[in-house]
Amino acid sequence: MPTLIVLDTNILVSAMIGTGYSHQALAACFKAQAVPLIGANLLAEYEAILYRPERISILS
């Protein structure tokens, strides 16, 4: 059974720009080795943070 994890916004952003443990955790979700637990509040926080202009330029 895959591991259940919560990727808070800081971890998600770090995973998208780095190669450390945060990136490995996100990669595990894509490989079905882990299942991310995401509620409505966390999804709203993702959207609020990731759509900021300074974040978009970093992640592009």
PDB file of N, CA and C in Angstrom:
ATOM      1  N   MET A   1       0.846  -1.180   0.000  1.00  0.00           N
ATOM      2  CA  MET A   1       0.000   0.000   0.000  1.00  0.00           C
ATOM      3  C   MET A   1       0.894   1.248   0.000  1.00  0.00           C
ATOM      4  N   PRO A   2       0.571   2.227  -0.845  1.00  0.00           N
ATOM      5  CA  PRO A   2       1.373   3.452  -0.899  1.00  0.00           C
ATOM      6  C   PRO A   2       1.288   4.247   0.406  1.00  0.00           C
ATOM      7  N   THR A   3       2.304   5.023   0.650  1.00  0.00           N
ATOM      8  CA  THR A   3       2.362   5.910   1.803  1.00  0.00           C
ATOM      9  C   THR A   3       1.467   7.120   1.563  1.00  0.00           C
ATOM     10  N   LEU A   4       0.739   7.548   2.570  1.00  0.00           N
ATOM     11  CA  LEU A   4      -0.082   8.753   2.487  1.00  0.00           C
ATOM     12  C   LEU A   4       0.749   9.928   2.982  1.00  0.00           C
ATOM     13  N   ILE A   5       0.801  11.009   2.194  1.00  0.00           N
ATOM     14  CA  ILE A   5       1.588  12.175   2.587  1.00  0.00           C
ATOM     15  C   ILE A   5       0.819  13.461   2.311  1.00  0.00           C
ATOM     16  N   VAL A   6       1.161  14.484   3.057  1.00  0.00           N
ATOM     17  CA  VAL A   6       0.630  15.828   2.826  1.00  0.00           C
ATOM     18  C   VAL A   6       1.793  16.683   2.333  1.00  0.00           C
ATOM     19  N   LEU A   7       1.635  17.253   1.152  1.00  0.00           N
ATOM     20  CA  LEU A   7       2.643  18.150   0.593  1.00  0.00           C
ATOM     21  C   LEU A   7       2.151  19.574   0.802  1.00  0.00           C
ATOM     22  N   ASP A   8       2.644  20.226   1.856  1.00  0.00           N
ATOM     23  CA  ASP A   8       2.211  21.605   2.063  1.00  0.00           C
ATOM     24  C   ASP A   8       2.798  22.482   0.956  1.00  0.00           C
ATOM     25  N   THR A   9       2.394  23.716   0.913  1.00  0.00           N
ATOM     26  CA  THR A   9       2.778  24.602  -0.186  1.00  0.00           C
ATOM     27  C   THR A   9       4.290  24.796  -0.258  1.00  0.00           C
ATOM     28  N   ASN A  10       4.949  24.944   0.875  1.00  0.00           N
ATOM     29  CA  ASN A  10       6.410  25.103   0.867  1.00  0.00           C
ATOM     30  C   ASN A  10       7.099  23.880   0.275  1.00  0.00           C
ATOM     31  N   ILE A  11       6.630  22.713   0.631  1.00  0.00           N
ATOM     32  CA  ILE A  11       7.204  21.474   0.099  1.00  0.00           C
ATOM     33  C   ILE A  11       6.946  21.378  -1.399  1.00  0.00           C
ATOM     34  N   LEU A  12       5.742  21.715  -1.832  1.00  0.00           N
ATOM     35  CA  LEU A  12       5.409  21.643  -3.251  1.00  0.00           C
ATOM     36  C   LEU A  12       6.292  22.574  -4.076  1.00  0.00           C
ATOM     37  N   VAL A  13       6.444  23.812  -3.638  1.00  0.00           N
ATOM     38  CA  VAL A  13       7.289  24.766  -4.368  1.00  0.00           C
ATOM     39  C   VAL A  13       8.737  24.281  -4.374  1.00  0.00           C
ATOM     40  N   SER A  14       9.237  23.827  -3.244  1.00  0.00           N
ATOM     41  CA  SER A  14      10.608  23.307  -3.175  1.00  0.00           C
ATOM     42  C   SER A  14      10.793  22.115  -4.104  1.00  0.00           C
ATOM     43  N   ALA A  15       9.790  21.258  -4.166  1.00  0.00           N
ATOM     44  CA  ALA A  15       9.860  20.083  -5.036  1.00  0.00           C
ATOM     45  C   ALA A  15       9.925  20.467  -6.504  1.00  0.00           C
ATOM     46  N   MET A  16       9.268  21.551  -6.854  1.00  0.00           N
ATOM     47  CA  MET A  16       9.222  21.963  -8.254  1.00  0.00           C
ATOM     48  C   MET A  16      10.509  22.649  -8.710  1.00  0.00           C
ATOM     49  N   ILE A  17      11.286  23.190  -7.767  1.00  0.00           N
ATOM     50  CA  ILE A  17      12.500  23.908  -8.169  1.00  0.00           C
ATOM     51  C   ILE A  17      13.783  23.215  -7.711  1.00  0.00           C
ATOM     52  N   GLY A  18      13.678  22.171  -6.918  1.00  0.00           N
ATOM     53  CA  GLY A  18      14.869  21.525  -6.382  1.00  0.00           C
ATOM     54  C   GLY A  18      14.933  20.046  -6.715  1.00  0.00           C
ATOM     55  N   THR A  19      15.945  19.387  -6.137  1.00  0.00           N
ATOM     56  CA  THR A  19      16.133  17.957  -6.376  1.00  0.00           C
ATOM     57  C   THR A  19      16.277  17.172  -5.073  1.00  0.00           C
ATOM     58  N   GLY A  20      15.982  17.803  -3.951  1.00  0.00           N
ATOM     59  CA  GLY A  20      16.153  17.168  -2.646  1.00  0.00           C
ATOM     60  C   GLY A  20      14.971  16.305  -2.235  1.00  0.00           C
ATOM     61  N   TYR A  21      14.785  16.209  -0.919  1.00  0.00           N
ATOM     62  CA  TYR A  21      13.737  15.354  -0.366  1.00  0.00           C
ATOM     63  C   TYR A  21      12.337  15.770  -0.815  1.00  0.00           C
ATOM     64  N   SER A  22      12.101  17.060  -0.942  1.00  0.00           N
ATOM     65  CA  SER A  22      10.790  17.528  -1.399  1.00  0.00           C
ATOM     66  C   SER A  22      10.502  17.013  -2.803  1.00  0.00           C
ATOM     67  N   HIS A  23      11.500  17.101  -3.666  1.00  0.00           N
ATOM     68  CA  HIS A  23      11.352  16.617  -5.045  1.00  0.00           C
ATOM     69  C   HIS A  23      11.105  15.108  -5.059  1.00  0.00           C
ATOM     70  N   GLN A  24      11.816  14.393  -4.211  1.00  0.00           N
ATOM     71  CA  GLN A  24      11.640  12.944  -4.127  1.00  0.00           C
ATOM     72  C   GLN A  24      10.235  12.580  -3.652  1.00  0.00           C
ATOM     73  N   ALA A  25       9.697  13.349  -2.722  1.00  0.00           N
ATOM     74  CA  ALA A  25       8.339  13.096  -2.229  1.00  0.00           C
ATOM     75  C   ALA A  25       7.313  13.314  -3.331  1.00  0.00           C
ATOM     76  N   LEU A  26       7.466  14.392  -4.093  1.00  0.00           N
ATOM     77  CA  LEU A  26       6.549  14.657  -5.202  1.00  0.00           C
ATOM     78  C   LEU A  26       6.695  13.588  -6.280  1.00  0.00           C
ATOM     79  N   ALA A  27       7.921  13.196  -6.584  1.00  0.00           N
ATOM     80  CA  ALA A  27       8.157  12.143  -7.576  1.00  0.00           C
ATOM     81  C   ALA A  27       7.502  10.835  -7.143  1.00  0.00           C
ATOM     82  N   ALA A  28       7.539  10.535  -5.857  1.00  0.00           N
ATOM     83  CA  ALA A  28       6.900   9.320  -5.346  1.00  0.00           C
ATOM     84  C   ALA A  28       5.401   9.334  -5.617  1.00  0.00           C
ATOM     85  N   CYS A  29       4.791  10.507  -5.567  1.00  0.00           N
ATOM     86  CA  CYS A  29       3.360  10.620  -5.876  1.00  0.00           C
ATOM     87  C   CYS A  29       3.102  10.290  -7.343  1.00  0.00           C
ATOM     88  N   PHE A  30       3.956  10.796  -8.231  1.00  0.00           N
ATOM     89  CA  PHE A  30       3.790  10.526  -9.660  1.00  0.00           C
ATOM     90  C   PHE A  30       4.064   9.066 -10.009  1.00  0.00           C
ATOM     91  N   LYS A  31       4.880   8.395  -9.205  1.00  0.00           N
ATOM     92  CA  LYS A  31       5.199   6.983  -9.432  1.00  0.00           C
ATOM     93  C   LYS A  31       4.232   6.049  -8.704  1.00  0.00           C
ATOM     94  N   ALA A  32       3.207   6.608  -8.071  1.00  0.00           N
ATOM     95  CA  ALA A  32       2.210   5.853  -7.301  1.00  0.00           C
ATOM     96  C   ALA A  32       2.836   5.119  -6.115  1.00  0.00           C
ATOM     97  N   GLN A  33       3.954   5.620  -5.614  1.00  0.00           N
ATOM     98  CA  GLN A  33       4.569   5.075  -4.408  1.00  0.00           C
ATOM     99  C   GLN A  33       4.044   5.786  -3.165  1.00  0.00           C
ATOM    100  N   ALA A  34       3.412   6.929  -3.379  1.00  0.00           N
ATOM    101  CA  ALA A  34       2.822   7.711  -2.296  1.00  0.00           C
ATOM    102  C   ALA A  34       1.540   8.350  -2.821  1.00  0.00           C
ATOM    103  N   VAL A  35       0.620   8.594  -1.924  1.00  0.00           N
ATOM    104  CA  VAL A  35      -0.650   9.228  -2.279  1.00  0.00           C
ATOM    105  C   VAL A  35      -0.733  10.561  -1.541  1.00  0.00           C
ATOM    106  N   PRO A  36      -0.814  11.669  -2.299  1.00  0.00           N
ATOM    107  CA  PRO A  36      -0.912  12.967  -1.626  1.00  0.00           C
ATOM    108  C   PRO A  36      -2.315  13.191  -1.068  1.00  0.00           C
ATOM    109  N   LEU A  37      -2.384  13.674   0.146  1.00  0.00           N
ATOM    110  CA  LEU A  37      -3.663  14.017   0.761  1.00  0.00           C
ATOM    111  C   LEU A  37      -3.869  15.516   0.581  1.00  0.00           C
ATOM    112  N   ILE A  38      -4.896  15.876  -0.163  1.00  0.00           N
ATOM    113  CA  ILE A  38      -5.136  17.281  -0.486  1.00  0.00           C
ATOM    114  C   ILE A  38      -6.599  17.602  -0.221  1.00  0.00           C
ATOM    115  N   GLY A  39      -6.832  18.553   0.669  1.00  0.00           N
ATOM    116  CA  GLY A  39      -8.182  19.020   0.942  1.00  0.00           C
ATOM    117  C   GLY A  39      -8.448  20.325   0.219  1.00  0.00           C
ATOM    118  N   ALA A  40      -9.651  20.809   0.331  1.00  0.00           N
ATOM    119  CA  ALA A  40     -10.052  22.044  -0.352  1.00  0.00           C
ATOM    120  C   ALA A  40      -9.222  23.241   0.104  1.00  0.00           C
ATOM    121  N   ASN A  41      -8.934  23.330   1.397  1.00  0.00           N
ATOM    122  CA  ASN A  41      -8.142  24.460   1.904  1.00  0.00           C
ATOM    123  C   ASN A  41      -6.720  24.437   1.363  1.00  0.00           C
ATOM    124  N   LEU A  42      -6.114  23.267   1.320  1.00  0.00           N
ATOM    125  CA  LEU A  42      -4.751  23.159   0.804  1.00  0.00           C
ATOM    126  C   LEU A  42      -4.720  23.456  -0.691  1.00  0.00           C
ATOM    127  N   LEU A  43      -5.690  22.977  -1.428  1.00  0.00           N
ATOM    128  CA  LEU A  43      -5.766  23.267  -2.859  1.00  0.00           C
ATOM    129  C   LEU A  43      -5.911  24.767  -3.098  1.00  0.00           C
ATOM    130  N   ALA A  44      -6.720  25.432  -2.305  1.00  0.00           N
ATOM    131  CA  ALA A  44      -6.879  26.885  -2.423  1.00  0.00           C
ATOM    132  C   ALA A  44      -5.562  27.598  -2.120  1.00  0.00           C
ATOM    133  N   GLU A  45      -4.813  27.094  -1.136  1.00  0.00           N
ATOM    134  CA  GLU A  45      -3.512  27.687  -0.821  1.00  0.00           C
ATOM    135  C   GLU A  45      -2.534  27.474  -1.975  1.00  0.00           C
ATOM    136  N   TYR A  46      -2.524  26.275  -2.558  1.00  0.00           N
ATOM    137  CA  TYR A  46      -1.680  26.019  -3.738  1.00  0.00           C
ATOM    138  C   TYR A  46      -1.968  27.063  -4.814  1.00  0.00           C
ATOM    139  N   GLU A  47      -3.238  27.246  -5.125  1.00  0.00           N
ATOM    140  CA  GLU A  47      -3.621  28.189  -6.182  1.00  0.00           C
ATOM    141  C   GLU A  47      -3.200  29.614  -5.837  1.00  0.00           C
ATOM    142  N   ALA A  48      -3.417  30.017  -4.599  1.00  0.00           N
ATOM    143  CA  ALA A  48      -3.078  31.381  -4.187  1.00  0.00           C
ATOM    144  C   ALA A  48      -1.577  31.640  -4.282  1.00  0.00           C
ATOM    145  N   ILE A  49      -0.782  30.665  -3.908  1.00  0.00           N
ATOM    146  CA  ILE A  49       0.671  30.835  -3.905  1.00  0.00           C
ATOM    147  C   ILE A  49       1.262  30.637  -5.297  1.00  0.00           C
ATOM    148  N   LEU A  50       0.860  29.595  -5.980  1.00  0.00           N
ATOM    149  CA  LEU A  50       1.503  29.260  -7.257  1.00  0.00           C
ATOM    150  C   LEU A  50       1.145  30.208  -8.389  1.00  0.00           C
ATOM    151  N   TYR A  51       0.048  30.925  -8.276  1.00  0.00           N
ATOM    152  CA  TYR A  51      -0.326  31.864  -9.335  1.00  0.00           C
ATOM    153  C   TYR A  51       0.200  33.275  -9.098  1.00  0.00           C
ATOM    154  N   ARG A  52       1.009  33.475  -8.065  1.00  0.00           N
ATOM    155  CA  ARG A  52       1.636  34.781  -7.849  1.00  0.00           C
ATOM    156  C   ARG A  52       2.659  35.012  -8.963  1.00  0.00           C
ATOM    157  N   PRO A  53       2.731  36.230  -9.488  1.00  0.00           N
ATOM    158  CA  PRO A  53       3.663  36.502 -10.600  1.00  0.00           C
ATOM    159  C   PRO A  53       5.112  36.109 -10.306  1.00  0.00           C
ATOM    160  N   GLU A  54       5.582  36.342  -9.087  1.00  0.00           N
ATOM    161  CA  GLU A  54       6.972  35.990  -8.780  1.00  0.00           C
ATOM    162  C   GLU A  54       7.194  34.482  -8.771  1.00  0.00           C
ATOM    163  N   ARG A  55       6.172  33.713  -8.422  1.00  0.00           N
ATOM    164  CA  ARG A  55       6.274  32.249  -8.449  1.00  0.00           C
ATOM    165  C   ARG A  55       6.238  31.737  -9.887  1.00  0.00           C
ATOM    166  N   ILE A  56       5.374  32.314 -10.691  1.00  0.00           N
ATOM    167  CA  ILE A  56       5.249  31.868 -12.078  1.00  0.00           C
ATOM    168  C   ILE A  56       6.583  32.023 -12.798  1.00  0.00           C
ATOM    169  N   SER A  57       7.274  33.138 -12.580  1.00  0.00           N
ATOM    170  CA  SER A  57       8.557  33.341 -13.255  1.00  0.00           C
ATOM    171  C   SER A  57       9.611  32.345 -12.771  1.00  0.00           C
ATOM    172  N   ILE A  58       9.577  31.976 -11.501  1.00  0.00           N
ATOM    173  CA  ILE A  58      10.535  31.004 -10.965  1.00  0.00           C
ATOM    174  C   ILE A  58      10.258  29.615 -11.520  1.00  0.00           C
ATOM    175  N   LEU A  59       8.988  29.254 -11.633  1.00  0.00           N
ATOM    176  CA  LEU A  59       8.615  27.904 -12.037  1.00  0.00           C
ATOM    177  C   LEU A  59       8.561  27.711 -13.549  1.00  0.00           C
ATOM    178  N   SER A  60       8.664  28.781 -14.295  1.00  0.00           N
ATOM    179  CA  SER A  60       8.590  28.674 -15.763  1.00  0.00           C
ATOM    180  C   SER A  60       9.890  28.195 -16.349  1.00  0.00           C
TER     181      SER A  60
END
